[in-house]
Amino acid sequence: MQKKLTLSIDRQIIKRAKEYAKRSNRSLSDIIETYLERITDQNADEIDHELSQIVGVIELPADFDEKKEIRNILTEKYK
């Protein structure tokens, strides 16, 4: 059964999410539902276990700005 959900999200994130959904030929609702299903799945502990195996594989500088690096990567990718 489908149910409507209202969220408050930053405008820029909504804009990027809609662009991503369009490029992916999926609805934003589908993307969010898939994400929520994944993180609330009964097997989430298995996913956490997989992630825990790679945590600490690389060391980043103390001043590493993850958001900045992601923006740089996406900017280069979609030039």
Protein backbone atom coordinates (compact mmCIF):
# COMPACT_ATOMS: atom_id res chain seq x y z
CA MET A 1 0.00 0.00 0.00
CA GLN A 2 1.40 3.38 -0.98
CA LYS A 3 1.27 6.30 1.46
CA LYS A 4 2.23 9.92 0.94
CA LEU A 5 5.19 11.31 2.91
CA THR A 6 6.17 14.97 3.26
CA LEU A 7 9.86 15.79 3.75
CA SER A 8 11.75 19.03 4.34
CA ILE A 9 14.97 18.99 2.33
CA ASP A 10 17.37 21.72 1.21
CA ARG A 11 16.37 23.13 -2.21
CA GLN A 12 19.75 22.46 -3.78
CA ILE A 13 19.65 18.83 -2.71
CA ILE A 14 16.14 18.49 -4.16
CA LYS A 15 17.33 20.03 -7.43
CA ARG A 16 20.30 17.67 -7.68
CA ALA A 17 18.17 14.70 -6.66
CA LYS A 18 15.59 15.47 -9.38
CA GLU A 19 18.36 15.79 -11.97
CA TYR A 20 19.81 12.46 -10.83
CA ALA A 21 16.38 10.82 -11.00
CA LYS A 22 15.86 12.12 -14.52
CA ARG A 23 19.28 10.86 -15.68
CA SER A 24 18.52 7.50 -14.06
CA ASN A 25 15.06 7.27 -15.63
CA ARG A 26 13.55 6.75 -12.17
CA SER A 27 11.18 8.71 -10.02
CA LEU A 28 12.50 10.50 -6.97
CA SER A 29 9.97 8.55 -4.90
CA ASP A 30 11.40 5.28 -6.20
CA ILE A 31 14.96 6.32 -5.37
CA ILE A 32 14.02 7.37 -1.84
CA GLU A 33 11.92 4.25 -1.28
CA THR A 34 14.79 2.04 -2.44
CA TYR A 35 17.20 3.83 -0.12
CA LEU A 36 14.86 3.56 2.87
CA GLU A 37 14.24 -0.10 2.12
CA ARG A 38 17.97 -0.73 2.03
CA ILE A 39 18.80 0.98 5.30
CA THR A 40 15.86 -0.57 7.15
CA ASP A 41 16.35 -4.06 5.73
CA GLN A 42 16.60 -6.91 8.21
CA ASN A 43 19.96 -7.76 6.62
CA ALA A 44 21.41 -4.32 7.38
CA ASP A 45 23.88 -5.91 9.78
CA GLU A 46 25.38 -7.83 6.84
CA ILE A 47 25.87 -4.55 4.96
CA ASP A 48 27.47 -3.00 8.04
CA HIS A 49 29.79 -6.00 8.29
CA GLU A 50 30.85 -5.55 4.66
CA LEU A 51 31.52 -1.87 5.23
CA SER A 52 33.44 -2.53 8.44
CA GLN A 53 35.87 -4.66 6.46
CA ILE A 54 36.98 -1.68 4.37
CA VAL A 55 36.91 1.04 7.03
CA GLY A 56 40.42 2.30 7.66
CA VAL A 57 41.83 0.99 4.38
CA ILE A 58 43.04 4.49 3.51
CA GLU A 59 44.06 7.35 5.72
CA LEU A 60 42.92 10.86 4.86
CA PRO A 61 44.45 14.13 6.00
CA ALA A 62 42.82 15.74 9.05
CA ASP A 63 41.62 18.66 6.91
CA PHE A 64 40.05 16.44 4.22
CA ASP A 65 36.74 17.93 3.04
CA GLU A 66 34.61 15.06 1.77
CA LYS A 67 31.80 17.26 0.43
CA LYS A 68 34.28 19.41 -1.49
CA GLU A 69 35.91 16.34 -3.04
CA ILE A 70 32.56 14.88 -4.04
CA ARG A 71 31.61 18.19 -5.69
CA ASN A 72 34.93 18.22 -7.57
CA ILE A 73 34.45 14.65 -8.78
CA LEU A 74 30.89 15.32 -9.93
CA THR A 75 31.90 18.58 -11.60
CA GLU A 76 34.58 16.75 -13.60
CA LYS A 77 32.26 13.85 -14.41
CA TYR A 78 29.47 16.02 -15.79
CA LYS A 79 31.50 18.63 -17.68
